[in-house]
PDB file of N, CA and C in Angstrom:
ATOM      1  N   MET A   1      -9.553 192.514-146.211  1.00  0.00           N
ATOM      2  CA  MET A   1     -10.188 192.698-144.840  1.00  0.00           C
ATOM      3  C   MET A   1      -9.478 190.814-143.993  1.00  0.00           C
ATOM      4  N   LYS A   2      -8.123 191.328-143.702  1.00  0.00           N
ATOM      5  CA  LYS A   2      -7.824 189.920-142.205  1.00  0.00           C
ATOM      6  C   LYS A   2      -7.992 190.537-141.132  1.00  0.00           C
ATOM      7  N   LEU A   3      -8.637 189.495-140.399  1.00  0.00           N
ATOM      8  CA  LEU A   3      -9.652 189.623-139.038  1.00  0.00           C
ATOM      9  C   LEU A   3      -8.292 188.904-137.894  1.00  0.00           C
ATOM     10  N   GLU A   4      -8.168 189.851-137.196  1.00  0.00           N
ATOM     11  CA  GLU A   4      -6.868 189.634-136.234  1.00  0.00           C
ATOM     12  C   GLU A   4      -7.380 189.555-135.091  1.00  0.00           C
ATOM     13  N   LYS A   5      -7.094 188.352-134.185  1.00  0.00           N
ATOM     14  CA  LYS A   5      -7.363 187.961-132.849  1.00  0.00           C
ATOM     15  C   LYS A   5      -6.892 188.920-131.996  1.00  0.00           C
ATOM     16  N   LYS A   6      -7.807 189.912-130.619  1.00  0.00           N
ATOM     17  CA  LYS A   6      -7.409 190.138-129.504  1.00  0.00           C
ATOM     18  C   LYS A   6      -6.510 189.605-128.439  1.00  0.00           C
ATOM     19  N   GLU A   7      -5.117 189.209-128.533  1.00  0.00           N
ATOM     20  CA  GLU A   7      -4.599 188.642-127.713  1.00  0.00           C
ATOM     21  C   GLU A   7      -4.287 189.512-126.194  1.00  0.00           C
ATOM     22  N   TYR A   8      -5.533 188.437-125.244  1.00  0.00           N
ATOM     23  CA  TYR A   8      -5.444 188.968-123.778  1.00  0.00           C
ATOM     24  C   TYR A   8      -4.320 188.932-123.180  1.00  0.00           C
ATOM     25  N   THR A   9      -4.009 189.937-122.549  1.00  0.00           N
ATOM     26  CA  THR A   9      -3.146 189.124-121.339  1.00  0.00           C
ATOM     27  C   THR A   9      -3.729 189.723-119.826  1.00  0.00           C
ATOM     28  N   THR A  10      -4.663 190.288-119.750  1.00  0.00           N
ATOM     29  CA  THR A  10      -4.783 190.069-118.147  1.00  0.00           C
ATOM     30  C   THR A  10      -6.440 190.082-118.214  1.00  0.00           C
ATOM     31  N   ARG A  11      -6.929 189.828-117.536  1.00  0.00           N
ATOM     32  CA  ARG A  11      -7.859 189.112-116.860  1.00  0.00           C
ATOM     33  C   ARG A  11      -8.831 190.413-116.859  1.00  0.00           C
ATOM     34  N   ALA A  12      -8.267 191.304-116.499  1.00  0.00           N
ATOM     35  CA  ALA A  12      -9.125 192.682-116.228  1.00  0.00           C
ATOM     36  C   ALA A  12      -9.685 192.867-117.814  1.00  0.00           C
ATOM     37  N   GLU A  13      -8.801 193.241-118.774  1.00  0.00           N
ATOM     38  CA  GLU A  13      -9.039 193.386-120.205  1.00  0.00           C
ATOM     39  C   GLU A  13      -9.871 191.762-120.628  1.00  0.00           C
ATOM     40  N   LYS A  14     -10.056 191.018-120.182  1.00  0.00           N
ATOM     41  CA  LYS A  14     -11.547 190.381-120.438  1.00  0.00           C
ATOM     42  C   LYS A  14     -12.298 190.677-120.371  1.00  0.00           C
ATOM     43  N   GLN A  15     -12.775 190.861-118.697  1.00  0.00           N
ATOM     44  CA  GLN A  15     -13.658 191.271-117.949  1.00  0.00           C
ATOM     45  C   GLN A  15     -13.999 192.736-119.009  1.00  0.00           C
ATOM     46  N   LYS A  16     -13.227 193.897-119.013  1.00  0.00           N
ATOM     47  CA  LYS A  16     -13.536 195.229-119.847  1.00  0.00           C
ATOM     48  C   LYS A  16     -14.337 194.732-120.679  1.00  0.00           C
ATOM     49  N   ASP A  17     -14.263 193.973-121.948  1.00  0.00           N
ATOM     50  CA  ASP A  17     -14.309 193.666-123.598  1.00  0.00           C
ATOM     51  C   ASP A  17     -15.802 192.606-123.072  1.00  0.00           C
ATOM     52  N   PHE A  18     -15.767 191.896-121.970  1.00  0.00           N
ATOM     53  CA  PHE A  18     -16.916 191.477-121.440  1.00  0.00           C
ATOM     54  C   PHE A  18     -18.223 192.285-121.369  1.00  0.00           C
ATOM     55  N   ALA A  19     -17.829 193.353-120.325  1.00  0.00           N
ATOM     56  CA  ALA A  19     -18.708 194.645-119.689  1.00  0.00           C
ATOM     57  C   ALA A  19     -19.021 195.178-121.444  1.00  0.00           C
ATOM     58  N   ILE A  20     -18.248 195.425-122.234  1.00  0.00           N
ATOM     59  CA  ILE A  20     -18.767 195.992-123.206  1.00  0.00           C
ATOM     60  C   ILE A  20     -19.754 195.282-124.105  1.00  0.00           C
ATOM     61  N   GLY A  21     -19.250 193.885-124.182  1.00  0.00           N
ATOM     62  CA  GLY A  21     -20.193 192.949-125.327  1.00  0.00           C
ATOM     63  C   GLY A  21     -21.417 193.230-124.175  1.00  0.00           C
ATOM     64  N   VAL A  22     -21.640 193.284-123.106  1.00  0.00           N
ATOM     65  CA  VAL A  22     -23.160 193.554-122.835  1.00  0.00           C
ATOM     66  C   VAL A  22     -23.525 194.885-122.917  1.00  0.00           C
ATOM     67  N   GLY A  23     -23.259 195.626-123.130  1.00  0.00           N
ATOM     68  CA  GLY A  23     -23.812 197.339-122.765  1.00  0.00           C
ATOM     69  C   GLY A  23     -23.630 197.338-124.227  1.00  0.00           C
ATOM     70  N   VAL A  24     -22.875 196.737-125.865  1.00  0.00           N
ATOM     71  CA  VAL A  24     -23.103 196.886-126.734  1.00  0.00           C
ATOM     72  C   VAL A  24     -24.505 195.747-127.479  1.00  0.00           C
ATOM     73  N   PHE A  25     -24.823 195.072-126.980  1.00  0.00           N
ATOM     74  CA  PHE A  25     -26.371 194.237-127.219  1.00  0.00           C
ATOM     75  C   PHE A  25     -26.789 195.072-126.461  1.00  0.00           C
ATOM     76  N   ILE A  26     -27.472 195.548-125.687  1.00  0.00           N
ATOM     77  CA  ILE A  26     -28.121 196.425-124.850  1.00  0.00           C
ATOM     78  C   ILE A  26     -28.593 197.416-125.781  1.00  0.00           C
ATOM     79  N   ILE A  27     -27.439 198.098-125.397  1.00  0.00           N
ATOM     80  CA  ILE A  27     -27.639 199.296-126.813  1.00  0.00           C
ATOM     81  C   ILE A  27     -28.463 199.383-128.100  1.00  0.00           C
ATOM     82  N   LEU A  28     -27.957 198.206-128.400  1.00  0.00           N
ATOM     83  CA  LEU A  28     -27.672 197.393-130.249  1.00  0.00           C
ATOM     84  C   LEU A  28     -29.424 197.838-130.485  1.00  0.00           C
ATOM     85  N   ASN A  29     -29.606 196.631-129.237  1.00  0.00           N
ATOM     86  CA  ASN A  29     -31.031 196.021-129.473  1.00  0.00           C
ATOM     87  C   ASN A  29     -32.350 197.174-129.086  1.00  0.00           C
ATOM     88  N   ALA A  30     -31.731 198.200-128.077  1.00  0.00           N
ATOM     89  CA  ALA A  30     -32.250 198.717-127.783  1.00  0.00           C
ATOM     90  C   ALA A  30     -32.754 200.040-129.134  1.00  0.00           C
ATOM     91  N   ILE A  31     -31.656 200.239-129.662  1.00  0.00           N
ATOM     92  CA  ILE A  31     -32.168 201.307-130.483  1.00  0.00           C
ATOM     93  C   ILE A  31     -32.450 200.722-132.190  1.00  0.00           C
ATOM     94  N   LEU A  32     -32.549 199.705-132.294  1.00  0.00           N
ATOM     95  CA  LEU A  32     -32.612 198.461-133.363  1.00  0.00           C
ATOM     96  C   LEU A  32     -33.866 198.544-133.099  1.00  0.00           C
ATOM     97  N   TYR A  33     -35.283 198.090-131.705  1.00  0.00           N
ATOM     98  CA  TYR A  33     -36.107 198.132-131.601  1.00  0.00           C
ATOM     99  C   TYR A  33     -37.045 199.925-131.312  1.00  0.00           C
ATOM    100  N   THR A  34     -36.006 200.114-131.099  1.00  0.00           N
ATOM    101  CA  THR A  34     -37.097 201.292-131.670  1.00  0.00           C
ATOM    102  C   THR A  34     -37.474 202.076-133.201  1.00  0.00           C
ATOM    103  N   LEU A  35     -35.797 201.738-133.872  1.00  0.00           N
ATOM    104  CA  LEU A  35     -36.467 201.837-135.319  1.00  0.00           C
ATOM    105  C   LEU A  35     -37.398 200.772-135.412  1.00  0.00           C
ATOM    106  N   SER A  36     -37.308 199.605-135.340  1.00  0.00           N
ATOM    107  CA  SER A  36     -38.346 198.755-135.887  1.00  0.00           C
ATOM    108  C   SER A  36     -39.400 199.104-135.595  1.00  0.00           C
ATOM    109  N   VAL A  37     -40.210 199.094-134.496  1.00  0.00           N
ATOM    110  CA  VAL A  37     -41.538 199.801-133.826  1.00  0.00           C
ATOM    111  C   VAL A  37     -41.818 200.966-135.133  1.00  0.00           C
ATOM    112  N   TYR A  38     -40.668 201.994-134.891  1.00  0.00           N
ATOM    113  CA  TYR A  38     -41.505 203.095-135.776  1.00  0.00           C
ATOM    114  C   TYR A  38     -41.473 202.879-136.814  1.00  0.00           C
ATOM    115  N   GLY A  39     -40.497 201.812-137.662  1.00  0.00           N
ATOM    116  CA  GLY A  39     -40.938 201.808-138.744  1.00  0.00           C
ATOM    117  C   GLY A  39     -41.898 200.597-139.233  1.00  0.00           C
ATOM    118  N   SER A  40     -42.369 200.263-138.266  1.00  0.00           N
ATOM    119  CA  SER A  40     -43.778 198.644-138.971  1.00  0.00           C
ATOM    120  C   SER A  40     -45.188 199.805-138.708  1.00  0.00           C
ATOM    121  N   LEU A  41     -44.906 200.725-137.863  1.00  0.00           N
ATOM    122  CA  LEU A  41     -46.287 201.928-137.385  1.00  0.00           C
ATOM    123  C   LEU A  41     -45.530 203.080-138.102  1.00  0.00           C
ATOM    124  N   SER A  42     -44.892 202.985-139.159  1.00  0.00           N
ATOM    125  CA  SER A  42     -45.744 204.598-139.606  1.00  0.00           C
ATOM    126  C   SER A  42     -45.266 204.552-141.403  1.00  0.00           C
ATOM    127  N   LEU A  43     -44.873 203.373-141.462  1.00  0.00           N
ATOM    128  CA  LEU A  43     -44.180 202.830-142.703  1.00  0.00           C
ATOM    129  C   LEU A  43     -45.682 202.620-144.161  1.00  0.00           C
ATOM    130  N   PRO A  44     -46.122 202.116-143.333  1.00  0.00           N
ATOM    131  CA  PRO A  44     -47.521 201.494-144.394  1.00  0.00           C
ATOM    132  C   PRO A  44     -48.133 203.187-143.673  1.00  0.00           C
ATOM    133  N   ASP A  45     -49.134 204.003-143.109  1.00  0.00           N
ATOM    134  CA  ASP A  45     -49.360 205.178-142.978  1.00  0.00           C
ATOM    135  C   ASP A  45     -48.998 205.836-143.605  1.00  0.00           C
ATOM    136  N   LEU A  46     -47.117 205.893-144.565  1.00  0.00           N
ATOM    137  CA  LEU A  46     -46.130 206.800-145.075  1.00  0.00           C
ATOM    138  C   LEU A  46     -47.288 206.802-146.567  1.00  0.00           C
ATOM    139  N   PHE A  47     -47.566 205.096-146.908  1.00  0.00           N
ATOM    140  CA  PHE A  47     -47.449 204.953-148.559  1.00  0.00           C
ATOM    141  C   PHE A  47     -49.377 204.731-148.540  1.00  0.00           C
ATOM    142  N   ALA A  48     -49.772 205.273-147.512  1.00  0.00           N
ATOM    143  CA  ALA A  48     -51.531 205.312-147.183  1.00  0.00           C
ATOM    144  C   ALA A  48     -51.788 205.994-148.229  1.00  0.00           C
ATOM    145  N   GLY A  49     -51.593 207.788-148.471  1.00  0.00           N
ATOM    146  CA  GLY A  49     -52.034 209.143-148.377  1.00  0.00           C
ATOM    147  C   GLY A  49     -53.378 208.548-148.272  1.00  0.00           C
ATOM    148  N   ASP A  50     -54.458 208.921-149.853  1.00  0.00           N
ATOM    149  CA  ASP A  50     -56.507 208.888-149.673  1.00  0.00           C
ATOM    150  C   ASP A  50     -56.810 207.734-149.206  1.00  0.00           C
ATOM    151  N   ASP A  51     -56.154 206.418-149.617  1.00  0.00           N
ATOM    152  CA  ASP A  51     -56.868 205.742-149.084  1.00  0.00           C
ATOM    153  C   ASP A  51     -55.623 204.835-148.344  1.00  0.00           C
ATOM    154  N   PRO A  52     -56.996 203.874-147.031  1.00  0.00           N
ATOM    155  CA  PRO A  52     -56.498 203.443-145.586  1.00  0.00           C
ATOM    156  C   PRO A  52     -56.115 201.910-146.101  1.00  0.00           C
ATOM    157  N   GLU A  53     -56.244 201.211-147.382  1.00  0.00           N
ATOM    158  CA  GLU A  53     -56.400 199.761-148.066  1.00  0.00           C
ATOM    159  C   GLU A  53     -55.465 199.377-148.382  1.00  0.00           C
ATOM    160  N   ARG A  54     -54.837 200.867-149.036  1.00  0.00           N
ATOM    161  CA  ARG A  54     -53.083 200.794-149.797  1.00  0.00           C
ATOM    162  C   ARG A  54     -52.304 200.662-149.093  1.00  0.00           C
ATOM    163  N   GLY A  55     -52.253 201.155-147.623  1.00  0.00           N
ATOM    164  CA  GLY A  55     -50.847 200.976-147.042  1.00  0.00           C
ATOM    165  C   GLY A  55     -50.883 199.674-145.632  1.00  0.00           C
ATOM    166  N   TYR A  56     -51.912 198.363-146.106  1.00  0.00           N
ATOM    167  CA  TYR A  56     -51.942 197.362-145.571  1.00  0.00           C
ATOM    168  C   TYR A  56     -50.921 196.685-146.439  1.00  0.00           C
ATOM    169  N   TYR A  57     -50.283 196.526-147.289  1.00  0.00           N
ATOM    170  CA  TYR A  57     -49.629 196.268-148.400  1.00  0.00           C
ATOM    171  C   TYR A  57     -48.378 196.415-148.536  1.00  0.00           C
ATOM    172  N   PHE A  58     -47.969 197.777-147.423  1.00  0.00           N
ATOM    173  CA  PHE A  58     -46.731 197.732-147.221  1.00  0.00           C
ATOM    174  C   PHE A  58     -46.259 197.084-145.811  1.00  0.00           C
ATOM    175  N   PHE A  59     -47.434 196.360-145.344  1.00  0.00           N
ATOM    176  CA  PHE A  59     -47.106 195.834-144.181  1.00  0.00           C
ATOM    177  C   PHE A  59     -45.711 194.521-144.265  1.00  0.00           C
ATOM    178  N   PRO A  60     -46.244 193.855-144.924  1.00  0.00           N
ATOM    179  CA  PRO A  60     -44.865 192.950-145.042  1.00  0.00           C
ATOM    180  C   PRO A  60     -43.194 193.509-145.095  1.00  0.00           C
ATOM    181  N   LEU A  61     -43.617 194.654-145.428  1.00  0.00           N
ATOM    182  CA  LEU A  61     -42.073 194.879-146.150  1.00  0.00           C
ATOM    183  C   LEU A  61     -41.688 196.146-144.301  1.00  0.00           C
ATOM    184  N   ALA A  62     -42.952 196.185-143.689  1.00  0.00           N
ATOM    185  CA  ALA A  62     -42.291 196.881-141.908  1.00  0.00           C
ATOM    186  C   ALA A  62     -42.585 195.638-140.631  1.00  0.00           C
ATOM    187  N   CYS A  63     -42.673 194.531-141.683  1.00  0.00           N
ATOM    188  CA  CYS A  63     -42.437 193.506-140.956  1.00  0.00           C
ATOM    189  C   CYS A  63     -40.937 193.270-140.582  1.00  0.00           C
ATOM    190  N   CYS A  64     -40.355 193.540-142.096  1.00  0.00           N
ATOM    191  CA  CYS A  64     -38.399 192.957-142.445  1.00  0.00           C
ATOM    192  C   CYS A  64     -38.206 193.854-141.572  1.00  0.00           C
ATOM    193  N   PHE A  65     -38.128 195.069-141.156  1.00  0.00           N
ATOM    194  CA  PHE A  65     -37.829 196.235-139.969  1.00  0.00           C
ATOM    195  C   PHE A  65     -37.183 194.629-138.975  1.00  0.00           C
ATOM    196  N   PHE A  66     -37.934 193.817-138.444  1.00  0.00           N
ATOM    197  CA  PHE A  66     -38.314 193.312-137.059  1.00  0.00           C
ATOM    198  C   PHE A  66     -36.821 191.560-137.656  1.00  0.00           C
ATOM    199  N   SER A  67     -37.053 191.248-138.748  1.00  0.00           N
ATOM    200  CA  SER A  67     -35.716 190.490-139.082  1.00  0.00           C
ATOM    201  C   SER A  67     -34.448 191.039-139.773  1.00  0.00           C
ATOM    202  N   LEU A  68     -34.491 192.885-139.482  1.00  0.00           N
ATOM    203  CA  LEU A  68     -33.016 192.842-139.555  1.00  0.00           C
ATOM    204  C   LEU A  68     -32.264 193.257-138.268  1.00  0.00           C
ATOM    205  N   SER A  69     -32.715 193.155-137.289  1.00  0.00           N
ATOM    206  CA  SER A  69     -32.624 193.470-136.200  1.00  0.00           C
ATOM    207  C   SER A  69     -31.662 192.091-135.648  1.00  0.00           C
ATOM    208  N   THR A  70     -32.422 191.193-136.241  1.00  0.00           N
ATOM    209  CA  THR A  70     -31.848 189.967-135.723  1.00  0.00           C
ATOM    210  C   THR A  70     -30.334 189.745-136.684  1.00  0.00           C
ATOM    211  N   LEU A  71     -30.597 189.968-138.209  1.00  0.00           N
ATOM    212  CA  LEU A  71     -29.194 189.712-139.039  1.00  0.00           C
ATOM    213  C   LEU A  71     -28.099 190.241-138.445  1.00  0.00           C
ATOM    214  N   ILE A  72     -28.625 191.516-137.969  1.00  0.00           N
ATOM    215  CA  ILE A  72     -26.975 192.734-137.377  1.00  0.00           C
ATOM    216  C   ILE A  72     -27.169 191.873-136.063  1.00  0.00           C
ATOM    217  N   ASN A  73     -27.754 190.878-135.355  1.00  0.00           N
ATOM    218  CA  ASN A  73     -27.293 190.624-134.029  1.00  0.00           C
ATOM    219  C   ASN A  73     -26.077 189.845-134.472  1.00  0.00           C
ATOM    220  N   ILE A  74     -26.041 188.496-135.497  1.00  0.00           N
ATOM    221  CA  ILE A  74     -25.823 187.450-135.613  1.00  0.00           C
ATOM    222  C   ILE A  74     -24.369 187.457-136.248  1.00  0.00           C
ATOM    223  N   ALA A  75     -24.813 189.361-137.398  1.00  0.00           N
ATOM    224  CA  ALA A  75     -23.534 189.734-138.332  1.00  0.00           C
ATOM    225  C   ALA A  75     -22.434 190.034-136.790  1.00  0.00           C
ATOM    226  N   LEU A  76     -22.583 190.812-136.373  1.00  0.00           N
ATOM    227  CA  LEU A  76     -21.965 191.279-135.325  1.00  0.00           C
ATOM    228  C   LEU A  76     -21.299 190.181-133.979  1.00  0.00           C
ATOM    229  N   LEU A  77     -21.857 189.423-134.001  1.00  0.00           N
ATOM    230  CA  LEU A  77     -21.774 188.250-133.119  1.00  0.00           C
ATOM    231  C   LEU A  77     -20.587 187.629-134.263  1.00  0.00           C
ATOM    232  N   ILE A  78     -20.536 186.894-134.910  1.00  0.00           N
ATOM    233  CA  ILE A  78     -20.231 186.301-135.804  1.00  0.00           C
ATOM    234  C   ILE A  78     -18.220 187.139-135.942  1.00  0.00           C
ATOM    235  N   TYR A  79     -18.999 189.364-136.577  1.00  0.00           N
ATOM    236  CA  TYR A  79     -17.695 189.826-136.498  1.00  0.00           C
ATOM    237  C   TYR A  79     -17.098 189.428-135.197  1.00  0.00           C
ATOM    238  N   PHE A  80     -17.522 189.969-133.963  1.00  0.00           N
ATOM    239  CA  PHE A  80     -16.504 189.906-132.471  1.00  0.00           C
ATOM    240  C   PHE A  80     -16.373 188.783-132.363  1.00  0.00           C
ATOM    241  N   ASN A  81     -16.898 187.473-132.458  1.00  0.00           N
ATOM    242  CA  ASN A  81     -16.209 186.385-132.229  1.00  0.00           C
ATOM    243  C   ASN A  81     -14.473 186.215-133.326  1.00  0.00           C
ATOM    244  N   ARG A  82     -14.539 186.496-134.341  1.00  0.00           N
ATOM    245  CA  ARG A  82     -12.885 186.447-135.013  1.00  0.00           C
ATOM    246  C   ARG A  82     -12.711 187.808-134.517  1.00  0.00           C
ATOM    247  N   THR A  83     -12.981 188.650-133.664  1.00  0.00           N
ATOM    248  CA  THR A  83     -11.632 189.819-133.486  1.00  0.00           C
ATOM    249  C   THR A  83     -11.802 189.707-132.001  1.00  0.00           C
ATOM    250  N   ARG A  84     -12.674 189.842-131.101  1.00  0.00           N
ATOM    251  CA  ARG A  84     -12.462 190.093-129.995  1.00  0.00           C
ATOM    252  C   ARG A  84     -13.593 188.932-129.518  1.00  0.00           C
ATOM    253  N   VAL A  85     -13.662 188.189-128.258  1.00  0.00           N
ATOM    254  CA  VAL A  85     -13.963 186.877-128.346  1.00  0.00           C
ATOM    255  C   VAL A  85     -14.714 187.386-127.109  1.00  0.00           C
ATOM    256  N   TRP A  86     -13.868 187.827-126.144  1.00  0.00           N
ATOM    257  CA  TRP A  86     -14.822 188.002-124.769  1.00  0.00           C
ATOM    258  C   TRP A  86     -15.711 189.130-125.471  1.00  0.00           C
ATOM    259  N   ILE A  87     -16.212 190.265-126.025  1.00  0.00           N
ATOM    260  CA  ILE A  87     -17.388 190.909-126.594  1.00  0.00           C
ATOM    261  C   ILE A  87     -18.627 190.181-127.572  1.00  0.00           C
ATOM    262  N   ALA A  88     -18.087 189.199-127.846  1.00  0.00           N
ATOM    263  CA  ALA A  88     -18.863 188.050-128.471  1.00  0.00           C
ATOM    264  C   ALA A  88     -19.654 187.422-127.070  1.00  0.00           C
ATOM    265  N   ALA A  89     -18.747 187.080-125.935  1.00  0.00           N
ATOM    266  CA  ALA A  89     -18.959 186.243-125.441  1.00  0.00           C
ATOM    267  C   ALA A  89     -20.464 186.621-123.727  1.00  0.00           C
ATOM    268  N   GLY A  90     -20.056 188.201-123.969  1.00  0.00           N
ATOM    269  CA  GLY A  90     -20.956 189.121-123.346  1.00  0.00           C
ATOM    270  C   GLY A  90     -22.073 189.526-123.835  1.00  0.00           C
ATOM    271  N   MET A  91     -21.788 189.205-125.227  1.00  0.00           N
ATOM    272  CA  MET A  91     -23.420 189.510-126.115  1.00  0.00           C
ATOM    273  C   MET A  91     -24.142 188.280-125.875  1.00  0.00           C
ATOM    274  N   LEU A  92     -23.301 186.512-126.411  1.00  0.00           N
ATOM    275  CA  LEU A  92     -23.801 185.751-126.159  1.00  0.00           C
ATOM    276  C   LEU A  92     -24.414 185.399-124.432  1.00  0.00           C
ATOM    277  N   VAL A  93     -23.858 185.755-123.299  1.00  0.00           N
ATOM    278  CA  VAL A  93     -24.448 185.335-122.755  1.00  0.00           C
ATOM    279  C   VAL A  93     -25.432 186.696-121.957  1.00  0.00           C
ATOM    280  N   LEU A  94     -26.088 187.747-122.294  1.00  0.00           N
ATOM    281  CA  LEU A  94     -26.713 188.361-122.374  1.00  0.00           C
ATOM    282  C   LEU A  94     -28.172 187.784-122.748  1.00  0.00           C
ATOM    283  N   PHE A  95     -27.583 186.999-124.394  1.00  0.00           N
ATOM    284  CA  PHE A  95     -28.869 186.538-125.257  1.00  0.00           C
ATOM    285  C   PHE A  95     -29.535 185.787-124.265  1.00  0.00           C
ATOM    286  N   GLY A  96     -28.564 184.449-123.671  1.00  0.00           N
ATOM    287  CA  GLY A  96     -28.669 183.511-122.888  1.00  0.00           C
ATOM    288  C   GLY A  96     -29.686 183.550-122.443  1.00  0.00           C
ATOM    289  N   PHE A  97     -29.427 184.370-121.212  1.00  0.00           N
ATOM    290  CA  PHE A  97     -30.165 185.140-120.082  1.00  0.00           C
ATOM    291  C   PHE A  97     -31.281 185.921-120.180  1.00  0.00           C
ATOM    292  N   ILE A  98     -31.429 186.729-121.375  1.00  0.00           N
ATOM    293  CA  ILE A  98     -32.758 186.720-121.477  1.00  0.00           C
ATOM    294  C   ILE A  98     -33.588 185.560-122.137  1.00  0.00           C
ATOM    295  N   MET A  99     -33.201 184.588-123.197  1.00  0.00           N
ATOM    296  CA  MET A  99     -34.376 183.440-123.526  1.00  0.00           C
ATOM    297  C   MET A  99     -34.462 182.545-122.297  1.00  0.00           C
ATOM    298  N   LEU A 100     -33.058 182.558-121.060  1.00  0.00           N
ATOM    299  CA  LEU A 100     -33.676 181.693-119.763  1.00  0.00           C
ATOM    300  C   LEU A 100     -35.031 182.702-118.989  1.00  0.00           C
ATOM    301  N   ILE A 101     -35.217 184.324-119.217  1.00  0.00           N
ATOM    302  CA  ILE A 101     -35.581 184.832-118.787  1.00  0.00           C
ATOM    303  C   ILE A 101     -37.124 184.557-119.342  1.00  0.00           C
ATOM    304  N   ALA A 102     -37.398 184.166-120.501  1.00  0.00           N
ATOM    305  CA  ALA A 102     -38.518 184.500-121.404  1.00  0.00           C
ATOM    306  C   ALA A 102     -39.268 183.322-120.842  1.00  0.00           C
ATOM    307  N   LEU A 103     -38.039 182.042-120.672  1.00  0.00           N
ATOM    308  CA  LEU A 103     -38.484 180.528-120.527  1.00  0.00           C
ATOM    309  C   LEU A 103     -39.296 180.441-119.191  1.00  0.00           C
ATOM    310  N   ILE A 104     -38.772 181.476-118.503  1.00  0.00           N
ATOM    311  CA  ILE A 104     -39.351 181.371-117.099  1.00  0.00           C
ATOM    312  C   ILE A 104     -40.770 181.846-117.210  1.00  0.00           C
ATOM    313  N   ALA A 105     -41.020 183.197-117.894  1.00  0.00           N
ATOM    314  CA  ALA A 105     -41.762 184.135-117.770  1.00  0.00           C
ATOM    315  C   ALA A 105     -43.212 183.370-118.396  1.00  0.00           C
ATOM    316  N   GLY A 106     -42.825 182.179-119.502  1.00  0.00           N
ATOM    317  CA  GLY A 106     -43.347 181.677-120.811  1.00  0.00           C
ATOM    318  C   GLY A 106     -43.958 180.283-119.905  1.00  0.00           C
ATOM    319  N   ALA A 107     -43.398 179.488-118.698  1.00  0.00           N
ATOM    320  CA  ALA A 107     -43.855 178.679-118.307  1.00  0.00           C
ATOM    321  C   ALA A 107     -44.459 179.354-116.637  1.00  0.00           C
ATOM    322  N   ILE A 108     -44.453 180.368-116.010  1.00  0.00           N
ATOM    323  CA  ILE A 108     -45.449 180.551-115.145  1.00  0.00           C
ATOM    324  C   ILE A 108     -46.949 181.127-115.827  1.00  0.00           C
ATOM    325  N   THR A 109     -46.239 181.740-117.018  1.00  0.00           N
ATOM    326  CA  THR A 109     -48.060 182.677-117.674  1.00  0.00           C
ATOM    327  C   THR A 109     -48.277 180.607-118.276  1.00  0.00           C
ATOM    328  N   THR A 110     -48.000 179.945-118.784  1.00  0.00           N
ATOM    329  CA  THR A 110     -48.714 178.528-118.493  1.00  0.00           C
ATOM    330  C   THR A 110     -49.026 178.466-117.571  1.00  0.00           C
ATOM    331  N   VAL A 111     -48.364 177.974-116.333  1.00  0.00           N
ATOM    332  CA  VAL A 111     -49.519 177.243-115.346  1.00  0.00           C
ATOM    333  C   VAL A 111     -50.283 178.568-114.332  1.00  0.00           C
ATOM    334  N   SER A 112     -50.316 179.317-114.965  1.00  0.00           N
ATOM    335  CA  SER A 112     -50.995 180.083-114.445  1.00  0.00           C
ATOM    336  C   SER A 112     -52.688 180.214-115.164  1.00  0.00           C
ATOM    337  N   CYS A 113     -52.161 180.467-116.396  1.00  0.00           N
ATOM    338  CA  CYS A 113     -53.692 179.420-117.953  1.00  0.00           C
ATOM    339  C   CYS A 113     -54.038 178.598-117.492  1.00  0.00           C
ATOM    340  N   PHE A 114     -53.163 177.457-116.826  1.00  0.00           N
ATOM    341  CA  PHE A 114     -54.233 176.067-116.644  1.00  0.00           C
ATOM    342  C   PHE A 114     -54.580 175.939-115.239  1.00  0.00           C
ATOM    343  N   THR A 115     -54.152 176.587-114.468  1.00  0.00           N
ATOM    344  CA  THR A 115     -54.571 176.671-113.092  1.00  0.00           C
ATOM    345  C   THR A 115     -55.815 177.397-112.616  1.00  0.00           C
ATOM    346  N   LEU A 116     -55.811 178.201-113.182  1.00  0.00           N
ATOM    347  CA  LEU A 116     -57.115 179.889-113.111  1.00  0.00           C
ATOM    348  C   LEU A 116     -58.410 179.653-113.909  1.00  0.00           C
TER     349      LEU A 116
END
């Protein structure tokens, strides 16, 4: 399968693909997070049966659902970087923005914990 880059002719095409990248990132991660939480909470109970301790053996497998979302995001970034660059840019900018918000929230939490 040969991946061909899209040639952008207008700025509107770039903005449209950038917005598509942001939307894809939000919707995809909302779906993956929902499936991860549902899978990690229901998988141990699904195999536990009558013995509740048997369900704990499946907890590491349930945690793999969270790693799966990261792998899917990385694969999509690589794919869109090779085909439609501005979709990948939209996904990457939103990821950076979310990391910045997490960094600020961590700094505020650290300051509030050490001053109170």
